[in-house]
Amino acid sequence: MARKTQQVETRLVAEYLLATYPQFPHIAGVPLGRVSEQLMAEVGYEKAIRMSRPIRPEVDAVVILPRFLVLIEAKVWHIIDGMAKLPLYRSLIPFTPELREYRNSEVIMELVTPWTNPNLEIMCRDASIHLHVFKPAWIAEVVARVQGYSTQEYRAAREKKLRNRELLGLE
């Protein structure tokens, strides 16, 4: 059976936005940082922004509150990576042309994940990141699968699958 892609984190952030900030404007998949001034001069502002998108970091969502800008990163896998990105993303807000009118707003950083642990809570607290455990019903199966990756049974089955692929010439 072919593997089907799951947009787990995209769905998680979309549902989180709906549940937490339904009354406020938000933007999903926001590119951050500078756009080359030279490129803007050569091809124009709009085209330069489109052309620069692949090389700019992207935060999962931005919520626009009356006095604040909320940066949201949702993670199911590699949660610490998501946490580590948020302060770096915040540093790019003043240089992001799409968010120019909000560059003087205070920034709130939020990490959205379906589970936590004491070390993650300590790191988020010390980095001034609000940690939100958000667990819609559908995520339980995904969490169980992710947490199963570290079991001995999973690793043995994965090794067997890789060996079989190699024997069949599929790798």
N, C-alpha and C. Protein backbone atom coordinates (compact mmCIF):
# COMPACT_ATOMS: atom_id res chain seq x y z
N MET A 1 0.84 -1.19 0.00
CA MET A 1 0.00 0.00 0.00
C MET A 1 0.88 1.25 0.00
N ALA A 2 0.58 2.17 -0.87
CA ALA A 2 1.34 3.42 -0.94
C ALA A 2 1.02 4.28 0.27
N ARG A 3 2.05 4.93 0.76
CA ARG A 3 1.86 5.82 1.91
C ARG A 3 1.13 7.07 1.46
N LYS A 4 0.17 7.49 2.25
CA LYS A 4 -0.56 8.71 1.96
C LYS A 4 -0.03 9.80 2.87
N THR A 5 0.13 10.97 2.31
CA THR A 5 0.63 12.08 3.11
C THR A 5 -0.46 12.54 4.07
N GLN A 6 -0.03 12.90 5.24
CA GLN A 6 -0.97 13.44 6.22
C GLN A 6 -0.51 14.84 6.58
N GLN A 7 -1.37 15.76 6.45
CA GLN A 7 -1.05 17.14 6.82
C GLN A 7 -1.46 17.34 8.28
N VAL A 8 -0.85 16.56 9.16
CA VAL A 8 -1.24 16.53 10.56
C VAL A 8 -1.05 17.89 11.22
N GLU A 9 0.12 18.48 11.08
CA GLU A 9 0.39 19.75 11.76
C GLU A 9 -0.43 20.88 11.15
N THR A 10 -0.66 20.83 9.83
CA THR A 10 -1.49 21.84 9.18
C THR A 10 -2.92 21.77 9.73
N ARG A 11 -3.44 20.56 9.85
CA ARG A 11 -4.78 20.38 10.40
C ARG A 11 -4.84 20.80 11.86
N LEU A 12 -3.79 20.43 12.62
CA LEU A 12 -3.75 20.77 14.04
C LEU A 12 -3.80 22.28 14.24
N VAL A 13 -3.00 23.02 13.48
CA VAL A 13 -2.98 24.48 13.65
C VAL A 13 -4.30 25.09 13.18
N ALA A 14 -4.88 24.57 12.10
CA ALA A 14 -6.15 25.10 11.61
C ALA A 14 -7.26 24.93 12.65
N GLU A 15 -7.32 23.75 13.25
CA GLU A 15 -8.34 23.51 14.27
C GLU A 15 -8.07 24.31 15.54
N TYR A 16 -6.80 24.48 15.87
CA TYR A 16 -6.43 25.29 17.04
C TYR A 16 -6.87 26.75 16.84
N LEU A 17 -6.62 27.28 15.65
CA LEU A 17 -7.02 28.66 15.36
C LEU A 17 -8.53 28.82 15.49
N LEU A 18 -9.27 27.86 14.96
CA LEU A 18 -10.73 27.92 15.02
C LEU A 18 -11.23 27.83 16.46
N ALA A 19 -10.60 26.98 17.26
CA ALA A 19 -11.03 26.80 18.64
C ALA A 19 -10.59 27.94 19.55
N THR A 20 -9.44 28.54 19.27
CA THR A 20 -8.84 29.49 20.20
C THR A 20 -9.02 30.96 19.79
N TYR A 21 -8.98 31.23 18.50
CA TYR A 21 -9.02 32.62 18.02
C TYR A 21 -10.08 32.82 16.93
N PRO A 22 -11.29 32.33 17.11
CA PRO A 22 -12.27 32.43 16.01
C PRO A 22 -12.65 33.86 15.64
N GLN A 23 -12.53 34.78 16.57
CA GLN A 23 -12.97 36.15 16.32
C GLN A 23 -11.88 37.07 15.80
N PHE A 24 -10.65 36.56 15.66
CA PHE A 24 -9.54 37.41 15.24
C PHE A 24 -9.01 36.99 13.87
N PRO A 25 -8.55 37.96 13.09
CA PRO A 25 -7.96 37.60 11.79
C PRO A 25 -6.67 36.81 11.99
N HIS A 26 -6.44 35.88 11.11
CA HIS A 26 -5.21 35.10 11.17
C HIS A 26 -4.75 34.78 9.75
N ILE A 27 -3.47 34.46 9.65
CA ILE A 27 -2.87 34.09 8.37
C ILE A 27 -2.10 32.80 8.61
N ALA A 28 -2.30 31.81 7.76
CA ALA A 28 -1.58 30.54 7.89
C ALA A 28 -0.40 30.54 6.93
N GLY A 29 0.67 29.85 7.34
CA GLY A 29 1.84 29.70 6.48
C GLY A 29 2.45 31.02 6.08
N VAL A 30 2.90 31.78 7.07
CA VAL A 30 3.39 33.14 6.82
C VAL A 30 4.91 33.14 6.60
N PRO A 31 5.38 33.58 5.42
CA PRO A 31 6.82 33.71 5.21
C PRO A 31 7.33 34.90 6.02
N LEU A 32 8.54 34.77 6.53
CA LEU A 32 9.10 35.80 7.39
C LEU A 32 10.45 36.26 6.86
N GLY A 33 10.79 37.51 7.18
CA GLY A 33 12.11 38.03 6.88
C GLY A 33 12.15 38.92 5.66
N ARG A 34 13.34 39.34 5.35
CA ARG A 34 13.59 40.29 4.27
C ARG A 34 13.29 39.71 2.90
N VAL A 35 12.97 40.63 2.00
CA VAL A 35 12.89 40.36 0.57
C VAL A 35 13.93 41.29 -0.05
N SER A 36 14.70 40.76 -0.96
CA SER A 36 15.79 41.52 -1.55
C SER A 36 15.31 42.84 -2.16
N GLU A 37 15.94 43.93 -1.72
CA GLU A 37 15.62 45.25 -2.26
C GLU A 37 15.94 45.30 -3.76
N GLN A 38 17.04 44.68 -4.14
CA GLN A 38 17.43 44.66 -5.55
C GLN A 38 16.39 43.92 -6.39
N LEU A 39 15.92 42.79 -5.87
CA LEU A 39 14.89 42.03 -6.59
C LEU A 39 13.61 42.84 -6.71
N MET A 40 13.24 43.55 -5.65
CA MET A 40 12.04 44.39 -5.70
C MET A 40 12.20 45.48 -6.75
N ALA A 41 13.39 46.06 -6.85
CA ALA A 41 13.64 47.10 -7.85
C ALA A 41 13.57 46.52 -9.27
N GLU A 42 14.03 45.29 -9.43
CA GLU A 42 14.06 44.67 -10.75
C GLU A 42 12.70 44.17 -11.23
N VAL A 43 11.94 43.52 -10.33
CA VAL A 43 10.69 42.87 -10.78
C VAL A 43 9.43 43.41 -10.12
N GLY A 44 9.58 44.33 -9.17
CA GLY A 44 8.42 44.88 -8.48
C GLY A 44 8.17 44.16 -7.16
N TYR A 45 7.45 44.84 -6.29
CA TYR A 45 7.21 44.38 -4.92
C TYR A 45 6.49 43.04 -4.89
N GLU A 46 5.33 42.94 -5.54
CA GLU A 46 4.51 41.72 -5.48
C GLU A 46 5.26 40.51 -6.03
N LYS A 47 5.89 40.66 -7.19
CA LYS A 47 6.59 39.54 -7.81
C LYS A 47 7.81 39.13 -6.98
N ALA A 48 8.50 40.11 -6.40
CA ALA A 48 9.66 39.82 -5.56
C ALA A 48 9.25 39.01 -4.34
N ILE A 49 8.11 39.36 -3.75
CA ILE A 49 7.61 38.62 -2.59
C ILE A 49 7.31 37.18 -2.99
N ARG A 50 6.64 36.98 -4.12
CA ARG A 50 6.33 35.62 -4.58
C ARG A 50 7.61 34.83 -4.88
N MET A 51 8.56 35.45 -5.54
CA MET A 51 9.80 34.78 -5.90
C MET A 51 10.65 34.43 -4.67
N SER A 52 10.54 35.22 -3.61
CA SER A 52 11.35 35.02 -2.41
C SER A 52 10.76 33.98 -1.46
N ARG A 53 9.53 33.63 -1.65
CA ARG A 53 8.85 32.75 -0.70
C ARG A 53 9.62 31.46 -0.40
N PRO A 54 10.15 30.76 -1.39
CA PRO A 54 10.82 29.49 -1.08
C PRO A 54 12.07 29.62 -0.21
N ILE A 55 12.67 30.79 -0.14
CA ILE A 55 13.91 30.92 0.63
C ILE A 55 13.71 31.64 1.96
N ARG A 56 12.45 31.93 2.29
CA ARG A 56 12.18 32.58 3.56
C ARG A 56 11.59 31.57 4.54
N PRO A 57 11.97 31.66 5.82
CA PRO A 57 11.36 30.75 6.81
C PRO A 57 9.86 31.02 6.90
N GLU A 58 9.11 30.02 7.34
CA GLU A 58 7.65 30.16 7.39
C GLU A 58 7.12 29.70 8.74
N VAL A 59 6.36 30.56 9.39
CA VAL A 59 5.71 30.21 10.65
C VAL A 59 4.33 29.64 10.30
N ASP A 60 3.86 28.72 11.11
CA ASP A 60 2.59 28.05 10.81
C ASP A 60 1.41 29.02 10.75
N ALA A 61 1.36 29.97 11.66
CA ALA A 61 0.25 30.93 11.63
C ALA A 61 0.61 32.19 12.41
N VAL A 62 -0.07 33.26 12.03
CA VAL A 62 0.02 34.53 12.75
C VAL A 62 -1.41 34.96 13.03
N VAL A 63 -1.67 35.33 14.29
CA VAL A 63 -2.98 35.85 14.68
C VAL A 63 -2.79 37.32 15.00
N ILE A 64 -3.70 38.14 14.51
CA ILE A 64 -3.62 39.58 14.71
C ILE A 64 -4.63 39.98 15.78
N LEU A 65 -4.10 40.30 16.96
CA LEU A 65 -4.92 40.78 18.07
C LEU A 65 -4.82 42.30 18.11
N PRO A 66 -5.70 42.96 18.84
CA PRO A 66 -5.65 44.43 18.86
C PRO A 66 -4.28 45.02 19.22
N ARG A 67 -3.59 44.45 20.21
CA ARG A 67 -2.29 45.01 20.60
C ARG A 67 -1.12 44.05 20.39
N PHE A 68 -1.42 42.83 19.95
CA PHE A 68 -0.39 41.81 19.87
C PHE A 68 -0.43 41.09 18.53
N LEU A 69 0.70 40.52 18.20
CA LEU A 69 0.81 39.61 17.08
C LEU A 69 1.18 38.26 17.70
N VAL A 70 0.44 37.21 17.37
CA VAL A 70 0.70 35.89 17.94
C VAL A 70 1.33 35.02 16.86
N LEU A 71 2.56 34.54 17.12
CA LEU A 71 3.22 33.60 16.23
C LEU A 71 2.92 32.20 16.74
N ILE A 72 2.42 31.34 15.86
CA ILE A 72 2.05 29.99 16.27
C ILE A 72 2.83 28.97 15.46
N GLU A 73 3.45 28.05 16.16
CA GLU A 73 4.10 26.90 15.53
C GLU A 73 3.46 25.66 16.13
N ALA A 74 2.95 24.77 15.27
CA ALA A 74 2.33 23.53 15.73
C ALA A 74 3.26 22.37 15.41
N LYS A 75 3.46 21.50 16.38
CA LYS A 75 4.36 20.36 16.18
C LYS A 75 3.79 19.10 16.79
N VAL A 76 3.89 18.02 16.02
CA VAL A 76 3.57 16.69 16.52
C VAL A 76 4.87 15.89 16.61
N TRP A 77 5.73 16.07 15.64
CA TRP A 77 7.06 15.46 15.62
C TRP A 77 8.07 16.59 15.85
N HIS A 78 9.20 16.28 16.37
CA HIS A 78 10.29 17.26 16.54
C HIS A 78 9.80 18.53 17.24
N ILE A 79 9.16 18.35 18.36
CA ILE A 79 8.53 19.46 19.09
C ILE A 79 9.56 20.50 19.51
N ILE A 80 10.72 20.07 19.96
CA ILE A 80 11.74 21.02 20.40
C ILE A 80 12.20 21.90 19.23
N ASP A 81 12.24 21.34 18.03
CA ASP A 81 12.60 22.14 16.86
C ASP A 81 11.61 23.29 16.68
N GLY A 82 10.33 23.00 16.85
CA GLY A 82 9.31 24.05 16.73
C GLY A 82 9.48 25.11 17.79
N MET A 83 9.78 24.68 19.00
CA MET A 83 10.00 25.63 20.09
C MET A 83 11.21 26.51 19.79
N ALA A 84 12.27 25.90 19.30
CA ALA A 84 13.51 26.64 19.04
C ALA A 84 13.36 27.66 17.91
N LYS A 85 12.46 27.39 16.97
CA LYS A 85 12.26 28.30 15.83
C LYS A 85 11.55 29.59 16.23
N LEU A 86 10.67 29.52 17.21
CA LEU A 86 9.82 30.68 17.51
C LEU A 86 10.59 31.97 17.83
N PRO A 87 11.60 31.97 18.71
CA PRO A 87 12.33 33.23 18.95
C PRO A 87 13.04 33.74 17.70
N LEU A 88 13.51 32.82 16.86
CA LEU A 88 14.16 33.24 15.62
C LEU A 88 13.13 33.86 14.68
N TYR A 89 11.97 33.27 14.60
CA TYR A 89 10.89 33.83 13.78
C TYR A 89 10.50 35.22 14.28
N ARG A 90 10.40 35.35 15.61
CA ARG A 90 10.04 36.66 16.18
C ARG A 90 11.03 37.73 15.75
N SER A 91 12.30 37.39 15.67
CA SER A 91 13.32 38.37 15.29
C SER A 91 13.13 38.88 13.86
N LEU A 92 12.42 38.14 13.03
CA LEU A 92 12.23 38.52 11.63
C LEU A 92 11.00 39.40 11.40
N ILE A 93 10.14 39.52 12.38
CA ILE A 93 8.90 40.30 12.21
C ILE A 93 9.18 41.73 11.72
N PRO A 94 10.12 42.46 12.30
CA PRO A 94 10.35 43.84 11.84
C PRO A 94 10.82 43.94 10.39
N PHE A 95 11.30 42.83 9.82
CA PHE A 95 11.84 42.85 8.46
C PHE A 95 10.91 42.19 7.44
N THR A 96 9.73 41.78 7.88
CA THR A 96 8.79 41.06 7.02
C THR A 96 7.84 42.05 6.36
N PRO A 97 7.95 42.23 5.03
CA PRO A 97 7.11 43.23 4.37
C PRO A 97 5.62 42.97 4.52
N GLU A 98 5.21 41.70 4.52
CA GLU A 98 3.78 41.38 4.65
C GLU A 98 3.21 41.76 6.01
N LEU A 99 4.08 41.93 7.00
CA LEU A 99 3.62 42.28 8.36
C LEU A 99 4.07 43.68 8.76
N ARG A 100 4.42 44.50 7.79
CA ARG A 100 4.95 45.85 8.05
C ARG A 100 4.08 46.64 9.02
N GLU A 101 2.76 46.60 8.83
CA GLU A 101 1.89 47.43 9.68
C GLU A 101 1.82 46.94 11.12
N TYR A 102 2.34 45.73 11.40
CA TYR A 102 2.30 45.17 12.75
C TYR A 102 3.68 45.12 13.40
N ARG A 103 4.69 45.69 12.76
CA ARG A 103 6.06 45.52 13.26
C ARG A 103 6.29 46.14 14.64
N ASN A 104 5.42 47.05 15.07
CA ASN A 104 5.57 47.63 16.40
C ASN A 104 4.71 46.93 17.44
N SER A 105 3.97 45.92 17.02
CA SER A 105 3.13 45.18 17.96
C SER A 105 4.00 44.28 18.83
N GLU A 106 3.55 44.07 20.03
CA GLU A 106 4.23 43.11 20.90
C GLU A 106 3.93 41.71 20.36
N VAL A 107 4.92 40.83 20.42
CA VAL A 107 4.78 39.49 19.84
C VAL A 107 4.63 38.45 20.95
N ILE A 108 3.63 37.61 20.80
CA ILE A 108 3.42 36.46 21.69
C ILE A 108 3.78 35.22 20.88
N MET A 109 4.56 34.34 21.47
CA MET A 109 4.94 33.10 20.78
C MET A 109 4.17 31.93 21.42
N GLU A 110 3.57 31.11 20.56
CA GLU A 110 2.81 29.95 21.04
C GLU A 110 3.27 28.69 20.34
N LEU A 111 3.51 27.66 21.12
CA LEU A 111 3.81 26.34 20.60
C LEU A 111 2.59 25.46 20.88
N VAL A 112 2.04 24.85 19.83
CA VAL A 112 0.85 24.02 19.95
C VAL A 112 1.26 22.58 19.67
N THR A 113 0.96 21.71 20.60
CA THR A 113 1.35 20.31 20.47
C THR A 113 0.34 19.43 21.20
N PRO A 114 0.20 18.16 20.79
CA PRO A 114 -0.77 17.30 21.45
C PRO A 114 -0.30 16.68 22.76
N TRP A 115 0.95 16.86 23.12
CA TRP A 115 1.43 16.35 24.41
C TRP A 115 2.61 17.18 24.88
N THR A 116 2.93 16.98 26.14
CA THR A 116 4.03 17.75 26.72
C THR A 116 4.79 16.86 27.69
N ASN A 117 5.84 17.42 28.24
CA ASN A 117 6.58 16.76 29.32
C ASN A 117 7.22 17.87 30.14
N PRO A 118 7.69 17.55 31.34
CA PRO A 118 8.23 18.60 32.22
C PRO A 118 9.40 19.38 31.61
N ASN A 119 10.27 18.72 30.85
CA ASN A 119 11.41 19.43 30.27
C ASN A 119 10.96 20.43 29.22
N LEU A 120 10.00 20.05 28.39
CA LEU A 120 9.47 20.97 27.39
C LEU A 120 8.83 22.18 28.07
N GLU A 121 8.11 21.94 29.13
CA GLU A 121 7.46 23.03 29.87
C GLU A 121 8.50 24.00 30.43
N ILE A 122 9.59 23.48 30.97
CA ILE A 122 10.66 24.33 31.50
C ILE A 122 11.28 25.17 30.38
N MET A 123 11.61 24.50 29.25
CA MET A 123 12.25 25.22 28.15
C MET A 123 11.34 26.31 27.59
N CYS A 124 10.06 26.00 27.41
CA CYS A 124 9.13 27.00 26.89
C CYS A 124 8.99 28.17 27.86
N ARG A 125 8.86 27.87 29.13
CA ARG A 125 8.74 28.94 30.13
C ARG A 125 9.95 29.86 30.08
N ASP A 126 11.15 29.28 30.04
CA ASP A 126 12.36 30.09 30.05
C ASP A 126 12.56 30.87 28.75
N ALA A 127 11.96 30.40 27.65
CA ALA A 127 12.07 31.10 26.36
C ALA A 127 10.88 32.03 26.12
N SER A 128 10.02 32.21 27.13
CA SER A 128 8.82 33.06 27.02
C SER A 128 7.89 32.60 25.90
N ILE A 129 7.76 31.28 25.78
CA ILE A 129 6.87 30.69 24.78
C ILE A 129 5.69 30.08 25.53
N HIS A 130 4.49 30.42 25.08
CA HIS A 130 3.28 29.85 25.67
C HIS A 130 3.07 28.46 25.07
N LEU A 131 3.04 27.45 25.92
CA LEU A 131 2.85 26.08 25.47
C LEU A 131 1.38 25.72 25.60
N HIS A 132 0.78 25.30 24.50
CA HIS A 132 -0.63 24.92 24.49
C HIS A 132 -0.76 23.47 24.06
N VAL A 133 -1.25 22.64 24.96
CA VAL A 133 -1.53 21.25 24.61
C VAL A 133 -2.93 21.23 24.03
N PHE A 134 -3.00 20.85 22.77
CA PHE A 134 -4.27 20.84 22.03
C PHE A 134 -4.46 19.45 21.46
N LYS A 135 -5.55 18.77 21.90
CA LYS A 135 -5.74 17.37 21.54
C LYS A 135 -7.14 17.11 20.97
N PRO A 136 -7.36 17.48 19.72
CA PRO A 136 -8.63 17.06 19.12
C PRO A 136 -8.68 15.53 19.06
N ALA A 137 -9.87 14.95 18.99
CA ALA A 137 -10.03 13.50 19.08
C ALA A 137 -9.19 12.74 18.05
N TRP A 138 -9.10 13.24 16.84
CA TRP A 138 -8.40 12.52 15.77
C TRP A 138 -6.89 12.38 16.01
N ILE A 139 -6.32 13.22 16.86
CA ILE A 139 -4.86 13.22 17.02
C ILE A 139 -4.37 12.06 17.88
N ALA A 140 -5.27 11.41 18.65
CA ALA A 140 -4.84 10.33 19.55
C ALA A 140 -4.14 9.21 18.78
N GLU A 141 -4.66 8.83 17.62
CA GLU A 141 -4.05 7.77 16.83
C GLU A 141 -2.68 8.19 16.33
N VAL A 142 -2.53 9.44 15.93
CA VAL A 142 -1.25 9.95 15.43
C VAL A 142 -0.23 9.96 16.57
N VAL A 143 -0.65 10.43 17.74
CA VAL A 143 0.25 10.48 18.91
C VAL A 143 0.71 9.07 19.27
N ALA A 144 -0.20 8.12 19.28
CA ALA A 144 0.16 6.74 19.61
C ALA A 144 1.19 6.21 18.61
N ARG A 145 0.99 6.51 17.34
CA ARG A 145 1.93 6.06 16.31
C ARG A 145 3.30 6.72 16.50
N VAL A 146 3.31 8.02 16.74
CA VAL A 146 4.58 8.75 16.93
C VAL A 146 5.31 8.23 18.16
N GLN A 147 4.60 8.04 19.24
CA GLN A 147 5.25 7.57 20.46
C GLN A 147 5.71 6.12 20.32
N GLY A 148 5.10 5.37 19.40
CA GLY A 148 5.51 4.00 19.14
C GLY A 148 6.82 3.89 18.39
N TYR A 149 7.27 4.97 17.75
CA TYR A 149 8.51 4.94 16.97
C TYR A 149 9.71 4.55 17.81
N SER A 150 9.67 4.84 19.08
CA SER A 150 10.85 4.59 19.92
C SER A 150 10.82 3.20 20.55
N THR A 151 9.79 2.41 20.28
CA THR A 151 9.73 1.08 20.88
C THR A 151 10.62 0.10 20.13
N GLN A 152 11.05 -0.92 20.85
CA GLN A 152 11.90 -1.95 20.26
C GLN A 152 11.14 -2.68 19.15
N GLU A 153 9.86 -2.92 19.34
CA GLU A 153 9.05 -3.63 18.34
C GLU A 153 8.99 -2.84 17.04
N TYR A 154 8.80 -1.55 17.14
CA TYR A 154 8.74 -0.72 15.93
C TYR A 154 10.07 -0.76 15.19
N ARG A 155 11.16 -0.59 15.93
CA ARG A 155 12.48 -0.57 15.29
C ARG A 155 12.78 -1.89 14.60
N ALA A 156 12.42 -3.02 15.23
CA ALA A 156 12.64 -4.33 14.62
C ALA A 156 11.81 -4.49 13.35
N ALA A 157 10.55 -4.08 13.39
CA ALA A 157 9.68 -4.17 12.21
C ALA A 157 10.19 -3.27 11.09
N ARG A 158 10.68 -2.11 11.44
CA ARG A 158 11.22 -1.17 10.44
C ARG A 158 12.47 -1.76 9.78
N GLU A 159 13.35 -2.33 10.57
CA GLU A 159 14.55 -2.98 10.02
C GLU A 159 14.17 -4.09 9.06
N LYS A 160 13.18 -4.90 9.43
CA LYS A 160 12.73 -6.00 8.57
C LYS A 160 12.17 -5.45 7.26
N LYS A 161 11.38 -4.41 7.34
CA LYS A 161 10.80 -3.80 6.14
C LYS A 161 11.90 -3.27 5.22
N LEU A 162 12.89 -2.61 5.79
CA LEU A 162 14.00 -2.08 4.98
C LEU A 162 14.80 -3.21 4.32
N ARG A 163 15.05 -4.28 5.08
CA ARG A 163 15.76 -5.43 4.50
C ARG A 163 14.98 -6.04 3.34
N ASN A 164 13.68 -6.19 3.52
CA ASN A 164 12.84 -6.75 2.46
C ASN A 164 12.83 -5.85 1.22
N ARG A 165 12.77 -4.57 1.41
CA ARG A 165 12.82 -3.64 0.27
C ARG A 165 14.12 -3.80 -0.51
N GLU A 166 15.21 -3.93 0.24
CA GLU A 166 16.52 -4.08 -0.40
C GLU A 166 16.59 -5.42 -1.16
N LEU A 167 16.10 -6.49 -0.54
CA LEU A 167 16.11 -7.80 -1.18
C LEU A 167 15.26 -7.82 -2.46
N LEU A 168 14.19 -7.06 -2.46
CA LEU A 168 13.31 -7.00 -3.63
C LEU A 168 13.76 -5.96 -4.65
N GLY A 169 14.84 -5.27 -4.34
CA GLY A 169 15.36 -4.25 -5.26
C GLY A 169 14.54 -2.98 -5.31
N LEU A 170 13.85 -2.70 -4.24
CA LEU A 170 13.00 -1.51 -4.19
C LEU A 170 13.73 -0.29 -3.61
N GLU A 171 14.93 -0.49 -3.14
CA GLU A 171 15.68 0.63 -2.55
C GLU A 171 16.92 0.87 -3.36
